[in-house]
Protein backbone atom coordinates (compact mmCIF):
# COMPACT_ATOMS: atom_id res chain seq x y z
CA PRO A 1 -237.39 -2.79 133.00
CA ILE A 2 -236.50 -5.61 135.15
CA GLN A 3 -233.49 -7.02 136.98
CA ILE A 4 -231.35 -9.01 134.54
CA ASP A 5 -228.33 -11.37 135.73
CA ILE A 6 -225.22 -11.75 133.62
CA LEU A 7 -221.29 -12.50 133.93
CA GLY A 8 -219.34 -10.41 132.51
CA ARG A 9 -216.67 -12.04 130.21
CA SER A 10 -213.45 -11.16 130.00
CA THR A 11 -210.12 -12.68 128.39
CA SER A 12 -206.47 -13.14 129.59
CA LEU A 13 -203.63 -14.57 127.92
CA VAL A 14 -201.72 -16.82 130.82
CA ARG A 15 -199.19 -19.16 129.44
CA GLY A 16 -200.01 -18.55 125.75
CA GLU A 17 -203.60 -19.70 126.32
CA TYR A 18 -206.48 -17.56 126.67
CA VAL A 19 -208.46 -18.04 129.68
CA VAL A 20 -212.09 -16.33 130.13
CA THR A 21 -212.85 -14.99 133.67
CA GLU A 22 -216.94 -14.35 134.56
CA THR A 23 -218.07 -12.05 137.01
CA PRO A 24 -221.64 -11.86 137.98
CA GLY A 25 -223.70 -8.95 138.26
CA THR A 26 -226.90 -7.43 137.19
CA ILE A 27 -228.40 -4.61 135.22
CA LEU A 28 -231.60 -3.12 134.06
CA GLY A 29 -233.65 -3.77 131.03
CA SER A 30 -235.83 -5.94 128.75
CA VAL A 31 -235.22 -9.47 127.56
CA GLN A 32 -237.67 -10.18 124.64
CA PRO A 33 -237.62 -13.43 122.02
CA LEU A 34 -236.32 -12.39 118.89
CA PRO A 35 -239.60 -13.15 116.68
CA ASN A 36 -238.55 -16.31 114.31
CA LYS A 37 -240.00 -19.54 113.12
CA ALA A 38 -240.01 -21.96 115.58
CA ASP A 39 -239.15 -24.83 113.28
CA LYS A 40 -236.55 -22.88 111.31
CA ASP A 41 -234.41 -22.56 114.89
CA MET A 42 -235.29 -26.17 115.97
CA LYS A 43 -232.60 -28.38 114.23
CA ASP A 44 -232.96 -32.86 114.69
CA LEU A 45 -229.25 -33.55 115.49
CA PRO A 46 -227.97 -36.98 116.07
CA THR A 47 -227.59 -35.82 119.92
CA GLY A 48 -231.35 -35.13 119.81
CA ARG A 49 -232.97 -31.82 119.00
CA VAL A 50 -231.41 -28.91 119.95
CA ASP A 51 -232.86 -24.95 120.06
CA PHE A 52 -230.46 -22.37 118.35
CA GLY A 53 -232.98 -19.70 119.99
CA ARG A 54 -231.94 -16.23 120.17
CA VAL A 55 -232.95 -13.40 122.71
CA ARG A 56 -232.59 -9.51 121.95
CA VAL A 57 -232.02 -7.06 125.19
CA TYR A 58 -232.09 -3.78 125.42
CA THR A 59 -230.47 -1.91 128.38
CA SER A 60 -228.68 1.33 128.91
CA SER A 61 -225.74 -0.75 129.86
CA ARG A 62 -223.11 -0.88 127.72
CA LEU A 63 -221.90 -4.94 127.65
CA ASN A 64 -219.16 -7.27 125.83
CA VAL A 65 -220.05 -8.30 122.71
CA GLY A 66 -218.19 -11.99 121.34
CA VAL A 67 -216.10 -11.76 118.52
CA GLU A 68 -216.54 -14.67 116.15
CA GLY A 69 -213.09 -16.21 115.51
CA GLY A 70 -211.80 -14.09 117.90
CA ALA A 71 -210.16 -13.99 121.41
CA GLY A 72 -213.34 -11.68 122.20
CA VAL A 73 -215.68 -13.19 124.07
CA GLY A 74 -219.31 -11.71 124.74
CA ASP A 75 -221.41 -11.21 128.44
CA ILE A 76 -223.42 -13.61 128.92
CA ILE A 77 -227.32 -12.65 129.55
CA VAL A 78 -228.91 -15.37 132.18
CA TRP A 79 -232.78 -15.41 131.54
CA GLU A 80 -234.95 -18.21 132.12
CA GLY A 81 -232.29 -20.62 133.12
CA HIS A 82 -230.91 -20.25 129.99
CA ARG A 83 -227.51 -18.76 129.39
CA TYR A 84 -227.17 -16.64 125.51
CA GLU A 85 -224.12 -14.95 124.75
CA ILE A 86 -224.24 -11.28 123.23
CA VAL A 87 -223.22 -11.32 119.77
CA LYS A 88 -224.08 -8.00 118.64
CA GLU A 89 -224.98 -4.84 119.58
CA ILE A 90 -226.71 -1.75 118.03
CA PRO A 91 -227.17 1.70 119.76
CA TYR A 92 -230.63 2.95 119.83
CA GLN A 93 -231.09 6.50 120.24
CA MET A 94 -234.96 7.38 121.63
CA ARG A 95 -236.18 10.50 123.27
CA ILE A 96 -236.44 9.86 126.51
CA GLN A 97 -233.24 7.28 127.62
CA PRO A 98 -230.91 6.17 124.92
CA CYS A 99 -230.11 2.48 125.10
CA TYR A 100 -228.52 -0.56 123.16
CA LYS A 101 -230.14 -3.23 121.89
CA TYR A 102 -228.18 -6.58 122.22
CA ILE A 103 -228.55 -9.86 119.92
CA CYS A 104 -228.05 -12.89 122.49
CA GLN A 105 -227.34 -16.55 121.09
CA LEU A 106 -228.29 -19.48 123.11
CA VAL A 107 -225.24 -20.80 124.67
CA PRO A 108 -225.32 -24.68 124.38
CA ALA A 109 -225.24 -26.51 127.76
CA GLU A 110 -222.04 -28.09 127.40
CA ALA A 111 -220.45 -25.03 126.21
CA GLY A 112 -221.63 -22.97 129.28
CA THR A 113 -220.05 -25.33 131.75
């Protein structure tokens, strides 16, 4: 395992609007690119090429998972200078140590600021 930077995220309702709070932290785990076809995950858009990359993270730490269309936001994994939001959790039962497998989606640069 390696040390992985994360941004723990939570939401709160302030004057009728959801506000996202990010808290820096670290976990121990493993980050791996998801096997995929590079051409499939690269899209030509009017603004230029965009990478819709994903990674998987294995860790014994429990993290927040984003909920599509909801107020819940997933924690952010910071890896190789990019931000990835956790979008799916898969519990793993291994003989030595149970852990979680998380699927993380690349956050576009303008959405991550």
